[in-house]
């Protein structure tokens, strides 16, 4: 099993991006707001959530790779 140390601020940032991505997708699928406002807000939240995921994923994956030694195994 792979293990990586993730700090509380990183967990919060990951949760926030997932929340924005989900809220944006929900707004795009909902019929509660006028279509123009719903599309603008939905796409904005969706894109912010999606784009902000890239540096977070790179950071977490970088931590996983930094924990490996030359043989590809995790260091203790």
PDB file of N, CA and C in Angstrom:
ATOM      1  N   UNK A   1       0.846  -1.170   0.000  1.00  0.00           N
ATOM      2  CA  UNK A   1       0.000   0.000   0.000  1.00  0.00           C
ATOM      3  C   UNK A   1       0.894   1.237   0.000  1.00  0.00           C
ATOM      4  N   UNK A   2       0.557   2.220  -0.823  1.00  0.00           N
ATOM      5  CA  UNK A   2       1.309   3.465  -0.872  1.00  0.00           C
ATOM      6  C   UNK A   2       0.788   4.412   0.195  1.00  0.00           C
ATOM      7  N   UNK A   3       1.706   5.067   0.894  1.00  0.00           N
ATOM      8  CA  UNK A   3       1.329   6.036   1.914  1.00  0.00           C
ATOM      9  C   UNK A   3       2.063   7.337   1.640  1.00  0.00           C
ATOM     10  N   UNK A   4       1.354   8.446   1.797  1.00  0.00           N
ATOM     11  CA  UNK A   4       1.935   9.767   1.611  1.00  0.00           C
ATOM     12  C   UNK A   4       1.428  10.669   2.717  1.00  0.00           C
ATOM     13  N   UNK A   5       2.321  11.459   3.283  1.00  0.00           N
ATOM     14  CA  UNK A   5       1.948  12.409   4.324  1.00  0.00           C
ATOM     15  C   UNK A   5       1.311  13.627   3.669  1.00  0.00           C
ATOM     16  N   UNK A   6       0.066  13.906   4.029  1.00  0.00           N
ATOM     17  CA  UNK A   6      -0.658  15.056   3.507  1.00  0.00           C
ATOM     18  C   UNK A   6      -1.054  15.912   4.702  1.00  0.00           C
ATOM     19  N   UNK A   7      -0.741  17.217   4.630  1.00  0.00           N
ATOM     20  CA  UNK A   7      -1.024  18.110   5.752  1.00  0.00           C
ATOM     21  C   UNK A   7      -2.497  18.519   5.754  1.00  0.00           C
ATOM     22  N   UNK A   8      -2.937  19.039   6.888  1.00  0.00           N
ATOM     23  CA  UNK A   8      -4.334  19.492   6.998  1.00  0.00           C
ATOM     24  C   UNK A   8      -4.656  20.610   6.004  1.00  0.00           C
ATOM     25  N   UNK A   9      -3.781  21.608   5.794  1.00  0.00           N
ATOM     26  CA  UNK A   9      -4.094  22.621   4.787  1.00  0.00           C
ATOM     27  C   UNK A   9      -4.236  22.034   3.372  1.00  0.00           C
ATOM     28  N   UNK A  10      -3.430  21.016   3.070  1.00  0.00           N
ATOM     29  CA  UNK A  10      -3.550  20.371   1.759  1.00  0.00           C
ATOM     30  C   UNK A  10      -4.878  19.634   1.637  1.00  0.00           C
ATOM     31  N   UNK A  11      -5.294  18.977   2.694  1.00  0.00           N
ATOM     32  CA  UNK A  11      -6.587  18.292   2.681  1.00  0.00           C
ATOM     33  C   UNK A  11      -7.709  19.310   2.501  1.00  0.00           C
ATOM     34  N   UNK A  12      -7.605  20.446   3.179  1.00  0.00           N
ATOM     35  CA  UNK A  12      -8.603  21.506   3.026  1.00  0.00           C
ATOM     36  C   UNK A  12      -8.646  22.049   1.611  1.00  0.00           C
ATOM     37  N   UNK A  13      -7.479  22.249   1.006  1.00  0.00           N
ATOM     38  CA  UNK A  13      -7.428  22.747  -0.366  1.00  0.00           C
ATOM     39  C   UNK A  13      -8.017  21.728  -1.339  1.00  0.00           C
ATOM     40  N   UNK A  14      -7.721  20.461  -1.117  1.00  0.00           N
ATOM     41  CA  UNK A  14      -8.279  19.411  -1.976  1.00  0.00           C
ATOM     42  C   UNK A  14      -9.794  19.382  -1.845  1.00  0.00           C
ATOM     43  N   UNK A  15     -10.288  19.464  -0.618  1.00  0.00           N
ATOM     44  CA  UNK A  15     -11.737  19.458  -0.398  1.00  0.00           C
ATOM     45  C   UNK A  15     -12.395  20.679  -1.042  1.00  0.00           C
ATOM     46  N   UNK A  16     -11.747  21.837  -0.932  1.00  0.00           N
ATOM     47  CA  UNK A  16     -12.316  23.052  -1.521  1.00  0.00           C
ATOM     48  C   UNK A  16     -12.396  22.955  -3.042  1.00  0.00           C
ATOM     49  N   UNK A  17     -11.343  22.430  -3.671  1.00  0.00           N
ATOM     50  CA  UNK A  17     -11.382  22.304  -5.135  1.00  0.00           C
ATOM     51  C   UNK A  17     -12.430  21.290  -5.568  1.00  0.00           C
ATOM     52  N   UNK A  18     -12.553  20.198  -4.834  1.00  0.00           N
ATOM     53  CA  UNK A  18     -13.589  19.208  -5.166  1.00  0.00           C
ATOM     54  C   UNK A  18     -14.977  19.828  -4.995  1.00  0.00           C
ATOM     55  N   UNK A  19     -15.137  20.650  -3.949  1.00  0.00           N
ATOM     56  CA  UNK A  19     -16.416  21.313  -3.708  1.00  0.00           C
ATOM     57  C   UNK A  19     -16.769  22.289  -4.821  1.00  0.00           C
ATOM     58  N   UNK A  20     -15.786  23.089  -5.253  1.00  0.00           N
ATOM     59  CA  UNK A  20     -16.036  24.032  -6.348  1.00  0.00           C
ATOM     60  C   UNK A  20     -16.371  23.301  -7.637  1.00  0.00           C
ATOM     61  N   UNK A  21     -15.645  22.236  -7.900  1.00  0.00           N
ATOM     62  CA  UNK A  21     -15.899  21.448  -9.107  1.00  0.00           C
ATOM     63  C   UNK A  21     -17.310  20.866  -9.080  1.00  0.00           C
ATOM     64  N   UNK A  22     -17.696  20.311  -7.941  1.00  0.00           N
ATOM     65  CA  UNK A  22     -19.033  19.738  -7.806  1.00  0.00           C
ATOM     66  C   UNK A  22     -20.131  20.785  -7.857  1.00  0.00           C
ATOM     67  N   UNK A  23     -19.909  21.933  -7.188  1.00  0.00           N
ATOM     68  CA  UNK A  23     -20.916  23.000  -7.204  1.00  0.00           C
ATOM     69  C   UNK A  23     -21.090  23.554  -8.609  1.00  0.00           C
ATOM     70  N   UNK A  24     -19.995  23.695  -9.336  1.00  0.00           N
ATOM     71  CA  UNK A  24     -20.079  24.172 -10.714  1.00  0.00           C
ATOM     72  C   UNK A  24     -20.848  23.200 -11.596  1.00  0.00           C
ATOM     73  N   UNK A  25     -20.559  21.919 -11.451  1.00  0.00           N
ATOM     74  CA  UNK A  25     -21.282  20.910 -12.239  1.00  0.00           C
ATOM     75  C   UNK A  25     -22.758  20.889 -11.872  1.00  0.00           C
ATOM     76  N   UNK A  26     -23.072  21.032 -10.568  1.00  0.00           N
ATOM     77  CA  UNK A  26     -24.474  21.042 -10.136  1.00  0.00           C
ATOM     78  C   UNK A  26     -25.218  22.239 -10.707  1.00  0.00           C
ATOM     79  N   UNK A  27     -24.572  23.404 -10.708  1.00  0.00           N
ATOM     80  CA  UNK A  27     -25.220  24.590 -11.270  1.00  0.00           C
ATOM     81  C   UNK A  27     -25.467  24.437 -12.764  1.00  0.00           C
ATOM     82  N   UNK A  28     -24.542  23.801 -13.443  1.00  0.00           N
ATOM     83  CA  UNK A  28     -24.730  23.602 -14.885  1.00  0.00           C
ATOM     84  C   UNK A  28     -25.903  22.664 -15.172  1.00  0.00           C
ATOM     85  N   UNK A  29     -26.196  21.771 -14.243  1.00  0.00           N
ATOM     86  CA  UNK A  29     -27.279  20.807 -14.443  1.00  0.00           C
ATOM     87  C   UNK A  29     -28.602  21.247 -13.816  1.00  0.00           C
ATOM     88  N   UNK A  30     -28.602  22.296 -13.005  1.00  0.00           N
ATOM     89  CA  UNK A  30     -29.806  22.716 -12.287  1.00  0.00           C
ATOM     90  C   UNK A  30     -30.639  23.690 -13.119  1.00  0.00           C
ATOM     91  N   UNK A  31     -31.896  23.882 -12.687  1.00  0.00           N
ATOM     92  CA  UNK A  31     -32.795  24.807 -13.375  1.00  0.00           C
ATOM     93  C   UNK A  31     -33.307  25.909 -12.445  1.00  0.00           C
ATOM     94  N   UNK A  32     -32.652  26.137 -11.301  1.00  0.00           N
ATOM     95  CA  UNK A  32     -33.135  27.099 -10.308  1.00  0.00           C
ATOM     96  C   UNK A  32     -32.826  28.546 -10.676  1.00  0.00           C
ATOM     97  N   UNK A  33     -31.682  28.809 -11.274  1.00  0.00           N
ATOM     98  CA  UNK A  33     -31.288  30.168 -11.645  1.00  0.00           C
ATOM     99  C   UNK A  33     -31.577  30.416 -13.123  1.00  0.00           C
ATOM    100  N   UNK A  34     -31.675  31.698 -13.515  1.00  0.00           N
ATOM    101  CA  UNK A  34     -31.795  31.983 -14.951  1.00  0.00           C
ATOM    102  C   UNK A  34     -30.601  31.393 -15.703  1.00  0.00           C
ATOM    103  N   UNK A  35     -30.837  30.924 -16.894  1.00  0.00           N
ATOM    104  CA  UNK A  35     -29.831  30.189 -17.661  1.00  0.00           C
ATOM    105  C   UNK A  35     -28.520  30.952 -17.810  1.00  0.00           C
ATOM    106  N   UNK A  36     -28.558  32.239 -18.104  1.00  0.00           N
ATOM    107  CA  UNK A  36     -27.330  33.001 -18.317  1.00  0.00           C
ATOM    108  C   UNK A  36     -26.489  33.068 -17.042  1.00  0.00           C
ATOM    109  N   UNK A  37     -27.109  33.371 -15.907  1.00  0.00           N
ATOM    110  CA  UNK A  37     -26.384  33.437 -14.636  1.00  0.00           C
ATOM    111  C   UNK A  37     -25.881  32.056 -14.225  1.00  0.00           C
ATOM    112  N   UNK A  38     -26.719  31.055 -14.414  1.00  0.00           N
ATOM    113  CA  UNK A  38     -26.354  29.690 -14.035  1.00  0.00           C
ATOM    114  C   UNK A  38     -25.144  29.215 -14.832  1.00  0.00           C
ATOM    115  N   UNK A  39     -25.140  29.465 -16.115  1.00  0.00           N
ATOM    116  CA  UNK A  39     -24.016  29.039 -16.945  1.00  0.00           C
ATOM    117  C   UNK A  39     -22.733  29.768 -16.571  1.00  0.00           C
ATOM    118  N   UNK A  40     -22.817  31.078 -16.359  1.00  0.00           N
ATOM    119  CA  UNK A  40     -21.617  31.842 -16.016  1.00  0.00           C
ATOM    120  C   UNK A  40     -21.034  31.371 -14.685  1.00  0.00           C
ATOM    121  N   UNK A  41     -21.863  31.275 -13.672  1.00  0.00           N
ATOM    122  CA  UNK A  41     -21.403  30.855 -12.356  1.00  0.00           C
ATOM    123  C   UNK A  41     -20.961  29.392 -12.360  1.00  0.00           C
ATOM    124  N   UNK A  42     -21.724  28.553 -13.012  1.00  0.00           N
ATOM    125  CA  UNK A  42     -21.394  27.124 -13.073  1.00  0.00           C
ATOM    126  C   UNK A  42     -20.066  26.871 -13.754  1.00  0.00           C
ATOM    127  N   UNK A  43     -19.838  27.493 -14.909  1.00  0.00           N
ATOM    128  CA  UNK A  43     -18.576  27.296 -15.614  1.00  0.00           C
ATOM    129  C   UNK A  43     -17.404  27.876 -14.836  1.00  0.00           C
ATOM    130  N   UNK A  44     -17.628  29.036 -14.178  1.00  0.00           N
ATOM    131  CA  UNK A  44     -16.559  29.639 -13.394  1.00  0.00           C
ATOM    132  C   UNK A  44     -16.132  28.699 -12.257  1.00  0.00           C
ATOM    133  N   UNK A  45     -17.096  28.194 -11.491  1.00  0.00           N
ATOM    134  CA  UNK A  45     -16.770  27.291 -10.386  1.00  0.00           C
ATOM    135  C   UNK A  45     -16.152  25.990 -10.894  1.00  0.00           C
ATOM    136  N   UNK A  46     -16.711  25.451 -11.940  1.00  0.00           N
ATOM    137  CA  UNK A  46     -16.203  24.205 -12.508  1.00  0.00           C
ATOM    138  C   UNK A  46     -14.758  24.363 -12.964  1.00  0.00           C
ATOM    139  N   UNK A  47     -14.474  25.429 -13.700  1.00  0.00           N
ATOM    140  CA  UNK A  47     -13.116  25.631 -14.220  1.00  0.00           C
ATOM    141  C   UNK A  47     -12.110  25.947 -13.111  1.00  0.00           C
ATOM    142  N   UNK A  48     -12.510  26.746 -12.116  1.00  0.00           N
ATOM    143  CA  UNK A  48     -11.609  27.018 -10.987  1.00  0.00           C
ATOM    144  C   UNK A  48     -11.285  25.719 -10.261  1.00  0.00           C
ATOM    145  N   UNK A  49     -12.303  24.905 -10.023  1.00  0.00           N
ATOM    146  CA  UNK A  49     -12.079  23.619  -9.353  1.00  0.00           C
ATOM    147  C   UNK A  49     -11.184  22.699 -10.158  1.00  0.00           C
ATOM    148  N   UNK A  50     -11.418  22.644 -11.460  1.00  0.00           N
ATOM    149  CA  UNK A  50     -10.623  21.758 -12.317  1.00  0.00           C
ATOM    150  C   UNK A  50      -9.187  22.254 -12.440  1.00  0.00           C
ATOM    151  N   UNK A  51      -9.003  23.553 -12.664  1.00  0.00           N
ATOM    152  CA  UNK A  51      -7.657  24.097 -12.864  1.00  0.00           C
ATOM    153  C   UNK A  51      -6.847  24.065 -11.577  1.00  0.00           C
ATOM    154  N   UNK A  52      -7.476  24.328 -10.444  1.00  0.00           N
ATOM    155  CA  UNK A  52      -6.729  24.320  -9.184  1.00  0.00           C
ATOM    156  C   UNK A  52      -6.365  22.911  -8.741  1.00  0.00           C
ATOM    157  N   UNK A  53      -6.967  21.916  -9.339  1.00  0.00           N
ATOM    158  CA  UNK A  53      -6.629  20.532  -9.016  1.00  0.00           C
ATOM    159  C   UNK A  53      -5.239  20.173  -9.532  1.00  0.00           C
ATOM    160  N   UNK A  54      -4.823  20.767 -10.625  1.00  0.00           N
ATOM    161  CA  UNK A  54      -3.555  20.401 -11.263  1.00  0.00           C
ATOM    162  C   UNK A  54      -2.361  20.629 -10.338  1.00  0.00           C
ATOM    163  N   UNK A  55      -2.167  21.832  -9.760  1.00  0.00           N
ATOM    164  CA  UNK A  55      -1.004  21.987  -8.875  1.00  0.00           C
ATOM    165  C   UNK A  55      -1.096  21.148  -7.603  1.00  0.00           C
ATOM    166  N   UNK A  56      -2.311  20.942  -7.092  1.00  0.00           N
ATOM    167  CA  UNK A  56      -2.458  20.098  -5.900  1.00  0.00           C
ATOM    168  C   UNK A  56      -2.070  18.654  -6.210  1.00  0.00           C
ATOM    169  N   UNK A  57      -2.531  18.139  -7.320  1.00  0.00           N
ATOM    170  CA  UNK A  57      -2.192  16.767  -7.704  1.00  0.00           C
ATOM    171  C   UNK A  57      -0.692  16.637  -7.943  1.00  0.00           C
ATOM    172  N   UNK A  58      -0.093  17.637  -8.578  1.00  0.00           N
ATOM    173  CA  UNK A  58       1.344  17.605  -8.836  1.00  0.00           C
ATOM    174  C   UNK A  58       2.119  17.589  -7.518  1.00  0.00           C
ATOM    175  N   UNK A  59       1.657  18.365  -6.531  1.00  0.00           N
ATOM    176  CA  UNK A  59       2.313  18.415  -5.229  1.00  0.00           C
ATOM    177  C   UNK A  59       2.226  17.065  -4.515  1.00  0.00           C
ATOM    178  N   UNK A  60       1.042  16.475  -4.498  1.00  0.00           N
ATOM    179  CA  UNK A  60       0.863  15.180  -3.823  1.00  0.00           C
ATOM    180  C   UNK A  60       1.652  14.091  -4.545  1.00  0.00           C
ATOM    181  N   UNK A  61       1.585  14.055  -5.867  1.00  0.00           N
ATOM    182  CA  UNK A  61       2.340  13.050  -6.614  1.00  0.00           C
ATOM    183  C   UNK A  61       3.845  13.261  -6.460  1.00  0.00           C
ATOM    184  N   UNK A  62       4.272  14.523  -6.357  1.00  0.00           N
ATOM    185  CA  UNK A  62       5.688  14.818  -6.126  1.00  0.00           C
ATOM    186  C   UNK A  62       6.151  14.295  -4.787  1.00  0.00           C
ATOM    187  N   UNK A  63       5.305  14.410  -3.775  1.00  0.00           N
ATOM    188  CA  UNK A  63       5.641  13.867  -2.459  1.00  0.00           C
ATOM    189  C   UNK A  63       5.772  12.351  -2.529  1.00  0.00           C
ATOM    190  N   UNK A  64       4.882  11.718  -3.280  1.00  0.00           N
ATOM    191  CA  UNK A  64       4.951  10.254  -3.401  1.00  0.00           C
ATOM    192  C   UNK A  64       6.261   9.844  -4.070  1.00  0.00           C
ATOM    193  N   UNK A  65       6.650  10.555  -5.127  1.00  0.00           N
ATOM    194  CA  UNK A  65       7.885  10.221  -5.838  1.00  0.00           C
ATOM    195  C   UNK A  65       9.115  10.520  -4.997  1.00  0.00           C
ATOM    196  N   UNK A  66       9.065  11.565  -4.170  1.00  0.00           N
ATOM    197  CA  UNK A  66      10.207  11.926  -3.318  1.00  0.00           C
ATOM    198  C   UNK A  66      10.448  10.880  -2.243  1.00  0.00           C
ATOM    199  N   UNK A  67       9.431  10.129  -1.870  1.00  0.00           N
ATOM    200  CA  UNK A  67       9.572   9.113  -0.837  1.00  0.00           C
ATOM    201  C   UNK A  67      10.167   7.825  -1.384  1.00  0.00           C
ATOM    202  N   UNK A  68      10.289   7.707  -2.666  1.00  0.00           N
ATOM    203  CA  UNK A  68      10.823   6.481  -3.264  1.00  0.00           C
ATOM    204  C   UNK A  68      12.352   6.541  -3.317  1.00  0.00           C
ATOM    205  N   UNK A  69      12.986   5.374  -3.169  1.00  0.00           N
ATOM    206  CA  UNK A  69      14.428   5.322  -3.339  1.00  0.00           C
ATOM    207  C   UNK A  69      14.723   4.917  -4.782  1.00  0.00           C
ATOM    208  N   UNK A  70      15.939   4.636  -5.091  1.00  0.00           N
ATOM    209  CA  UNK A  70      16.339   4.309  -6.448  1.00  0.00           C
ATOM    210  C   UNK A  70      15.718   3.030  -6.995  1.00  0.00           C
ATOM    211  N   UNK A  71      15.249   2.145  -6.138  1.00  0.00           N
ATOM    212  CA  UNK A  71      14.697   0.868  -6.600  1.00  0.00           C
ATOM    213  C   UNK A  71      13.210   0.966  -6.895  1.00  0.00           C
ATOM    214  N   UNK A  72      12.609   2.121  -6.670  1.00  0.00           N
ATOM    215  CA  UNK A  72      11.177   2.267  -6.897  1.00  0.00           C
ATOM    216  C   UNK A  72      10.340   1.904  -5.700  1.00  0.00           C
ATOM    217  N   UNK A  73      11.008   1.530  -4.603  1.00  0.00           N
ATOM    218  CA  UNK A  73      10.291   1.194  -3.371  1.00  0.00           C
ATOM    219  C   UNK A  73      10.226   2.407  -2.463  1.00  0.00           C
ATOM    220  N   UNK A  74       9.206   2.440  -1.636  1.00  0.00           N
ATOM    221  CA  UNK A  74       9.057   3.536  -0.695  1.00  0.00           C
ATOM    222  C   UNK A  74      10.139   3.469   0.370  1.00  0.00           C
ATOM    223  N   UNK A  75      10.691   4.649   0.710  1.00  0.00           N
ATOM    224  CA  UNK A  75      11.663   4.714   1.790  1.00  0.00           C
ATOM    225  C   UNK A  75      10.932   4.717   3.112  1.00  0.00           C
ATOM    226  N   UNK A  76      11.576   4.194   4.161  1.00  0.00           N
ATOM    227  CA  UNK A  76      10.931   4.221   5.469  1.00  0.00           C
ATOM    228  C   UNK A  76      11.313   5.440   6.252  1.00  0.00           C
TER     229      UNK A  76
END
